[in-house]
C-alpha atoms as a PDB file:
ATOM      1  CA  MET A   1      -0.017  -0.017   0.007  1.00  0.00           C
ATOM      2  CA  PRO A   2       1.473   3.396  -0.886  1.00  0.00           C
ATOM      3  CA  ASP A   3       2.460   5.727   1.822  1.00  0.00           C
ATOM      4  CA  TRP A   4       0.232   8.815   1.121  1.00  0.00           C
ATOM      5  CA  ASN A   5       1.844  10.838   3.918  1.00  0.00           C
ATOM      6  CA  ARG A   6       5.120  11.115   1.993  1.00  0.00           C
ATOM      7  CA  ILE A   7       3.635  12.969  -0.948  1.00  0.00           C
ATOM      8  CA  VAL A   8       4.340  16.713  -0.726  1.00  0.00           C
ATOM      9  CA  ILE A   9       1.656  18.896  -2.373  1.00  0.00           C
ATOM     10  CA  GLY A  10       4.214  21.074  -4.189  1.00  0.00           C
ATOM     11  CA  ASP A  11       5.732  17.990  -5.932  1.00  0.00           C
ATOM     12  CA  ALA A  12       2.658  17.485  -8.008  1.00  0.00           C
ATOM     13  CA  PHE A  13       3.189  20.905  -9.702  1.00  0.00           C
ATOM     14  CA  LYS A  14       6.889  20.658 -10.367  1.00  0.00           C
ATOM     15  CA  PRO A  15       7.945  20.813 -14.031  1.00  0.00           C
ATOM     16  CA  PRO A  16       9.463  17.740 -15.586  1.00  0.00           C
ATOM     17  CA  SER A  17      13.218  17.163 -15.010  1.00  0.00           C
ATOM     18  CA  ARG A  18      14.078  18.565 -18.464  1.00  0.00           C
ATOM     19  CA  ASN A  19      14.179  22.281 -18.228  1.00  0.00           C
ATOM     20  CA  PHE A  20      13.497  25.141 -20.606  1.00  0.00           C
ATOM     21  CA  ASP A  21      17.009  25.183 -22.035  1.00  0.00           C
ATOM     22  CA  TYR A  22      16.579  21.744 -23.599  1.00  0.00           C
ATOM     23  CA  TYR A  23      13.420  22.752 -25.439  1.00  0.00           C
ATOM     24  CA  ARG A  24      14.887  26.103 -26.497  1.00  0.00           C
ATOM     25  CA  ASP A  25      17.908  24.315 -28.047  1.00  0.00           C
ATOM     26  CA  MET A  26      15.604  21.779 -29.617  1.00  0.00           C
ATOM     27  CA  PHE A  27      13.597  24.619 -31.195  1.00  0.00           C
ATOM     28  CA  LEU A  28      16.670  26.520 -32.426  1.00  0.00           C
ATOM     29  CA  MET A  29      18.406  23.450 -33.881  1.00  0.00           C
ATOM     30  CA  TRP A  30      16.512  23.641 -37.268  1.00  0.00           C
ATOM     31  CA  PRO A  31      16.570  27.422 -37.723  1.00  0.00           C
ATOM     32  CA  ILE A  32      20.378  27.469 -37.190  1.00  0.00           C
ATOM     33  CA  LEU A  33      20.890  24.684 -39.675  1.00  0.00           C
ATOM     34  CA  ALA A  34      18.432  25.912 -42.294  1.00  0.00           C
ATOM     35  CA  PHE A  35      19.521  29.555 -42.118  1.00  0.00           C
ATOM     36  CA  SER A  36      23.211  28.572 -42.322  1.00  0.00           C
ATOM     37  CA  VAL A  37      22.831  26.256 -45.358  1.00  0.00           C
ATOM     38  CA  ALA A  38      20.490  28.690 -47.164  1.00  0.00           C
ATOM     39  CA  ALA A  39      22.795  31.665 -46.411  1.00  0.00           C
ATOM     40  CA  ILE A  40      25.885  29.936 -47.801  1.00  0.00           C
ATOM     41  CA  THR A  41      23.978  29.006 -50.938  1.00  0.00           C
ATOM     42  CA  GLN A  42      22.695  32.480 -51.474  1.00  0.00           C
ATOM     43  CA  ILE A  43      25.902  34.295 -50.711  1.00  0.00           C
ATOM     44  CA  ILE A  44      28.156  32.103 -52.866  1.00  0.00           C
ATOM     45  CA  SER A  45      25.980  31.866 -55.991  1.00  0.00           C
ATOM     46  CA  PRO A  46      23.082  34.353 -55.876  1.00  0.00           C
ATOM     47  CA  ALA A  47      20.601  34.657 -58.763  1.00  0.00           C
ATOM     48  CA  SER A  48      20.776  38.472 -58.373  1.00  0.00           C
ATOM     49  CA  PRO A  49      22.122  41.132 -56.032  1.00  0.00           C
ATOM     50  CA  GLU A  50      18.970  40.991 -54.032  1.00  0.00           C
ATOM     51  CA  TYR A  51      19.445  37.389 -53.250  1.00  0.00           C
ATOM     52  CA  ARG A  52      22.965  38.047 -51.985  1.00  0.00           C
ATOM     53  CA  ILE A  53      21.437  40.493 -49.519  1.00  0.00           C
ATOM     54  CA  TYR A  54      18.877  37.847 -48.722  1.00  0.00           C
ATOM     55  CA  GLY A  55      21.813  35.491 -47.925  1.00  0.00           C
ATOM     56  CA  PHE A  56      23.330  37.985 -45.568  1.00  0.00           C
ATOM     57  CA  LYS A  57      19.922  38.385 -43.845  1.00  0.00           C
ATOM     58  CA  LEU A  58      19.749  34.621 -43.424  1.00  0.00           C
ATOM     59  CA  ALA A  59      23.294  34.569 -42.018  1.00  0.00           C
ATOM     60  CA  ALA A  60      22.314  37.189 -39.518  1.00  0.00           C
ATOM     61  CA  CYS A  61      19.309  35.098 -38.456  1.00  0.00           C
ATOM     62  CA  ALA A  62      21.562  32.048 -38.025  1.00  0.00           C
ATOM     63  CA  VAL A  63      23.949  34.025 -35.822  1.00  0.00           C
ATOM     64  CA  VAL A  64      21.114  35.460 -33.701  1.00  0.00           C
ATOM     65  CA  ALA A  65      19.602  31.934 -33.297  1.00  0.00           C
ATOM     66  CA  LEU A  66      23.044  30.618 -32.251  1.00  0.00           C
ATOM     67  CA  LEU A  67      23.463  33.422 -29.738  1.00  0.00           C
ATOM     68  CA  LEU A  68      20.002  32.528 -28.232  1.00  0.00           C
ATOM     69  CA  ALA A  69      21.006  28.912 -27.672  1.00  0.00           C
ATOM     70  CA  LYS A  70      22.274  27.575 -24.363  1.00  0.00           C
ATOM     71  CA  GLU A  71      24.516  24.812 -25.656  1.00  0.00           C
ATOM     72  CA  ARG A  72      26.102  26.413 -28.672  1.00  0.00           C
ATOM     73  CA  LEU A  73      28.816  23.845 -29.118  1.00  0.00           C
ATOM     74  CA  LEU A  74      26.238  21.024 -29.380  1.00  0.00           C
ATOM     75  CA  LEU A  75      24.336  22.890 -32.040  1.00  0.00           C
ATOM     76  CA  ILE A  76      27.465  23.784 -34.021  1.00  0.00           C
ATOM     77  CA  ALA A  77      28.666  20.182 -33.917  1.00  0.00           C
ATOM     78  CA  GLY A  78      25.311  18.876 -34.960  1.00  0.00           C
ATOM     79  CA  GLY A  79      24.927  21.296 -37.863  1.00  0.00           C
ATOM     80  CA  ASP A  80      28.511  20.651 -38.976  1.00  0.00           C
ATOM     81  CA  GLY A  81      27.926  16.896 -38.778  1.00  0.00           C
ATOM     82  CA  PHE A  82      24.847  17.197 -40.846  1.00  0.00           C
ATOM     83  CA  VAL A  83      26.745  19.238 -43.530  1.00  0.00           C
ATOM     84  CA  ALA A  84      29.560  16.624 -43.532  1.00  0.00           C
ATOM     85  CA  LEU A  85      27.044  13.814 -43.942  1.00  0.00           C
ATOM     86  CA  ARG A  86      25.273  15.606 -46.803  1.00  0.00           C
ATOM     87  CA  LEU A  87      28.587  16.270 -48.575  1.00  0.00           C
ATOM     88  CA  ALA A  88      29.555  12.572 -48.114  1.00  0.00           C
ATOM     89  CA  VAL A  89      26.270  11.531 -49.712  1.00  0.00           C
ATOM     90  CA  ALA A  90      26.845  14.011 -52.591  1.00  0.00           C
ATOM     91  CA  LEU A  91      30.310  12.644 -53.060  1.00  0.00           C
ATOM     92  CA  ALA A  92      29.013   9.060 -53.169  1.00  0.00           C
ATOM     93  CA  PHE A  93      26.308   9.754 -55.677  1.00  0.00           C
ATOM     94  CA  THR A  94      27.868  12.309 -58.017  1.00  0.00           C
ATOM     95  CA  GLN A  95      31.559  11.269 -57.838  1.00  0.00           C
ATOM     96  CA  ASP A  96      32.345  15.026 -58.349  1.00  0.00           C
ATOM     97  CA  TRP A  97      35.509  15.170 -56.194  1.00  0.00           C
ATOM     98  CA  ALA A  98      36.655  18.622 -57.346  1.00  0.00           C
ATOM     99  CA  THR A  99      33.402  20.210 -56.172  1.00  0.00           C
ATOM    100  CA  TYR A 100      32.608  18.467 -52.873  1.00  0.00           C
ATOM    101  CA  LEU A 101      35.869  17.095 -51.486  1.00  0.00           C
ATOM    102  CA  VAL A 102      37.237  20.299 -49.913  1.00  0.00           C
ATOM    103  CA  GLY A 103      33.891  21.077 -48.234  1.00  0.00           C
ATOM    104  CA  PHE A 104      33.599  17.580 -46.943  1.00  0.00           C
ATOM    105  CA  LEU A 105      37.198  17.524 -45.557  1.00  0.00           C
ATOM    106  CA  VAL A 106      36.745  20.871 -43.834  1.00  0.00           C
ATOM    107  CA  SER A 107      33.373  20.073 -42.292  1.00  0.00           C
ATOM    108  CA  ALA A 108      34.367  16.530 -41.246  1.00  0.00           C
ATOM    109  CA  GLY A 109      37.634  17.972 -39.788  1.00  0.00           C
ATOM    110  CA  VAL A 110      35.823  20.534 -37.763  1.00  0.00           C
ATOM    111  CA  PHE A 111      33.240  18.003 -36.534  1.00  0.00           C
ATOM    112  CA  LEU A 112      35.985  15.589 -35.483  1.00  0.00           C
ATOM    113  CA  ALA A 113      37.982  18.332 -33.831  1.00  0.00           C
ATOM    114  CA  ILE A 114      35.001  19.420 -31.742  1.00  0.00           C
ATOM    115  CA  LEU A 115      34.425  15.833 -30.694  1.00  0.00           C
ATOM    116  CA  TRP A 116      38.059  15.244 -29.870  1.00  0.00           C
ATOM    117  CA  VAL A 117      38.657  18.493 -27.898  1.00  0.00           C
ATOM    118  CA  ARG A 118      35.408  18.300 -25.982  1.00  0.00           C
ATOM    119  CA  ARG A 119      35.131  14.486 -25.525  1.00  0.00           C
ATOM    120  CA  ASP A 120      34.354  14.801 -21.807  1.00  0.00           C
ATOM    121  CA  TRP A 121      31.752  17.547 -22.307  1.00  0.00           C
ATOM    122  CA  LYS A 122      28.209  17.078 -21.003  1.00  0.00           C
ATOM    123  CA  PRO A 123      25.302  19.476 -21.580  1.00  0.00           C
ATOM    124  CA  THR A 124      24.082  21.556 -18.589  1.00  0.00           C
ATOM    125  CA  TYR A 125      20.540  20.208 -18.966  1.00  0.00           C
ATOM    126  CA  GLU A 126      19.215  16.689 -18.787  1.00  0.00           C
ATOM    127  CA  GLU A 127      18.351  15.088 -22.137  1.00  0.00           C
ATOM    128  CA  PRO A 128      15.559  12.634 -22.333  1.00  0.00           C
ATOM    129  CA  ALA A 129      16.363   8.959 -22.735  1.00  0.00           C
ATOM    130  CA  LYS A 130      14.050   8.706 -25.703  1.00  0.00           C
ATOM    131  CA  LEU A 131      12.448  11.210 -28.026  1.00  0.00           C
ATOM    132  CA  ASN A 132       9.048  12.186 -26.692  1.00  0.00           C
ATOM    133  CA  VAL A 133       6.139  13.838 -28.455  1.00  0.00           C
ATOM    134  CA  LEU A 134       6.804  17.220 -26.933  1.00  0.00           C
ATOM    135  CA  SER A 135      10.454  17.227 -28.124  1.00  0.00           C
ATOM    136  CA  ALA A 136       9.380  16.291 -31.652  1.00  0.00           C
ATOM    137  CA  ALA A 137       6.686  18.967 -31.637  1.00  0.00           C
ATOM    138  CA  VAL A 138       9.135  21.620 -30.435  1.00  0.00           C
ATOM    139  CA  GLY A 139      11.603  20.583 -33.160  1.00  0.00           C
ATOM    140  CA  ALA A 140       8.885  20.667 -35.870  1.00  0.00           C
ATOM    141  CA  ALA A 141       7.759  24.148 -34.599  1.00  0.00           C
ATOM    142  CA  GLY A 142      11.383  25.329 -34.977  1.00  0.00           C
ATOM    143  CA  LEU A 143      11.513  23.970 -38.524  1.00  0.00           C
ATOM    144  CA  GLY A 144       8.203  25.691 -39.276  1.00  0.00           C
ATOM    145  CA  ALA A 145       9.359  28.978 -37.787  1.00  0.00           C
ATOM    146  CA  ALA A 146      12.557  28.809 -39.822  1.00  0.00           C
ATOM    147  CA  VAL A 147      10.643  28.249 -43.076  1.00  0.00           C
ATOM    148  CA  ALA A 148       8.142  30.951 -42.274  1.00  0.00           C
ATOM    149  CA  LEU A 149      10.848  33.534 -41.454  1.00  0.00           C
ATOM    150  CA  GLY A 150      12.913  32.522 -44.489  1.00  0.00           C
ATOM    151  CA  LEU A 151       9.896  33.028 -46.779  1.00  0.00           C
ATOM    152  CA  TRP A 152       9.060  36.299 -45.091  1.00  0.00           C
ATOM    153  CA  LEU A 153      12.558  37.688 -45.682  1.00  0.00           C
ATOM    154  CA  LYS A 154      12.754  36.465 -49.280  1.00  0.00           C
ATOM    155  CA  PRO A 155      12.845  39.332 -51.873  1.00  0.00           C
END
């Protein structure tokens, strides 16, 4: 039989063990990645001068989103790992070594350097053991906000 006397009234209203920082970083993960990739594309090969300015706006949005994050190193490593993986897939399918090899080597090198230097690093917040519905919803909301802001800024 449970001991009802040990339950404290205030414990029923405590938030879950994951705090606000985890959900903020989960929300900002997609905007940082999307704005960074789109900014690089628009700055390097714009269709017109307006799109180069659009690329600089997207880069500014990525920097602001990165400054709002709590665990910046985790988001930088995640984004860089995603770019390295995409470039590896592009290399495997296109066999265009002259175009993708330098980008792949740089992004993979940065990713491995972050992992090697900070191998004992742990985030300041508690991550869930498995992905729950709230985490997925917050991540999807971040992706939706990034797409909406990107379309709003587009010339």
